[in-house]
Amino acid sequence: MTETLTHLPLTDRQRAIYDHIVEHRRLRGYSPTVRELADAFCMRSPNGMKQHLELIKRKGFITWEPNMARTLRPLEVHDEQ
């Protein structure tokens, strides 16, 4: 079972990734792919981004289906933070 971390805030890097997802959806109407996020944050492979996304998800800021494209969804309750 995966431990939830909803009591923990996002790190600066996680906040930047979350904000990028929100802005991408606002501008384009759909979520970025993991590869697009990795490229935007100068990561050589999507694996590092997947780890960030999993933590952001466990902290309760997004929903995400890891094996499906463009399923990142910011949760409304955190958009103001």
Protein backbone atom coordinates (compact mmCIF):
# COMPACT_ATOMS: atom_id res chain seq x y z
CA MET A 1 0.00 0.00 0.00
CA THR A 2 1.25 3.49 -0.87
CA GLU A 3 1.44 5.91 2.03
CA THR A 4 -0.46 9.17 1.57
CA LEU A 5 1.45 12.34 2.29
CA THR A 6 -1.40 14.85 2.25
CA HIS A 7 -0.07 16.61 5.33
CA LEU A 8 3.16 17.61 3.55
CA PRO A 9 3.60 20.72 1.38
CA LEU A 10 5.17 20.64 -2.07
CA THR A 11 8.88 21.33 -2.44
CA ASP A 12 9.87 24.26 -4.66
CA ARG A 13 10.55 21.89 -7.57
CA GLN A 14 7.25 20.05 -7.09
CA ARG A 15 5.41 23.40 -6.90
CA ALA A 16 7.03 24.46 -10.20
CA ILE A 17 5.92 21.19 -11.84
CA TYR A 18 2.40 21.54 -10.45
CA ASP A 19 2.19 25.15 -11.65
CA HIS A 20 3.43 24.09 -15.10
CA ILE A 21 0.66 21.47 -15.32
CA VAL A 22 -1.98 24.03 -14.31
CA GLU A 23 -0.69 26.61 -16.81
CA HIS A 24 -0.40 24.06 -19.64
CA ARG A 25 -4.01 23.00 -19.09
CA ARG A 26 -5.14 26.64 -18.95
CA LEU A 27 -3.40 27.56 -22.21
CA ARG A 28 -3.98 24.38 -24.22
CA GLY A 29 -7.01 22.74 -22.65
CA TYR A 30 -5.24 19.43 -21.97
CA SER A 31 -2.49 18.09 -19.72
CA PRO A 32 1.16 17.76 -20.73
CA THR A 33 2.67 14.31 -21.16
CA VAL A 34 5.34 13.09 -18.77
CA ARG A 35 7.88 13.47 -21.60
CA GLU A 36 6.80 17.09 -22.21
CA LEU A 37 7.19 17.83 -18.50
CA ALA A 38 10.61 16.17 -18.41
CA ASP A 39 11.70 18.25 -21.40
CA ALA A 40 10.34 21.46 -19.84
CA PHE A 41 12.42 20.80 -16.72
CA CYS A 42 15.55 19.71 -18.63
CA MET A 43 15.42 16.08 -17.51
CA ARG A 44 17.10 13.53 -19.77
CA SER A 45 14.46 10.87 -19.23
CA PRO A 46 10.88 10.79 -17.98
CA ASN A 47 11.74 8.51 -15.04
CA GLY A 48 12.79 11.37 -12.77
CA MET A 49 9.63 13.26 -13.65
CA LYS A 50 7.53 10.18 -12.88
CA GLN A 51 9.02 10.12 -9.37
CA HIS A 52 8.13 13.79 -8.86
CA LEU A 53 4.60 13.23 -10.16
CA GLU A 54 4.07 10.24 -7.90
CA LEU A 55 5.02 12.32 -4.85
CA ILE A 56 2.82 15.23 -5.96
CA LYS A 57 -0.03 12.72 -6.36
CA ARG A 58 0.62 11.18 -2.92
CA LYS A 59 0.54 14.68 -1.40
CA GLY A 60 -2.95 15.14 -2.85
CA PHE A 61 -2.27 17.85 -5.43
CA ILE A 62 -2.97 15.87 -8.62
CA THR A 63 -4.62 12.76 -9.93
CA TRP A 64 -2.69 10.70 -12.46
CA GLU A 65 -2.89 7.37 -14.25
CA PRO A 66 0.81 6.55 -14.84
CA ASN A 67 0.31 4.28 -17.86
CA MET A 68 -2.03 6.58 -19.77
CA ALA A 69 -1.12 9.75 -21.70
CA ARG A 70 -2.35 13.18 -20.61
CA THR A 71 -4.15 12.02 -17.47
CA LEU A 72 -2.57 14.56 -15.10
CA ARG A 73 -5.29 16.56 -13.36
CA PRO A 74 -4.62 19.23 -10.75
CA LEU A 75 -7.05 19.00 -7.86
CA GLU A 76 -9.10 22.17 -7.50
CA VAL A 77 -8.66 22.50 -3.75
CA HIS A 78 -4.93 23.14 -4.22
CA ASP A 79 -5.04 25.62 -7.12
CA GLU A 80 -4.97 28.56 -4.70
CA GLN A 81 -1.95 27.42 -2.68
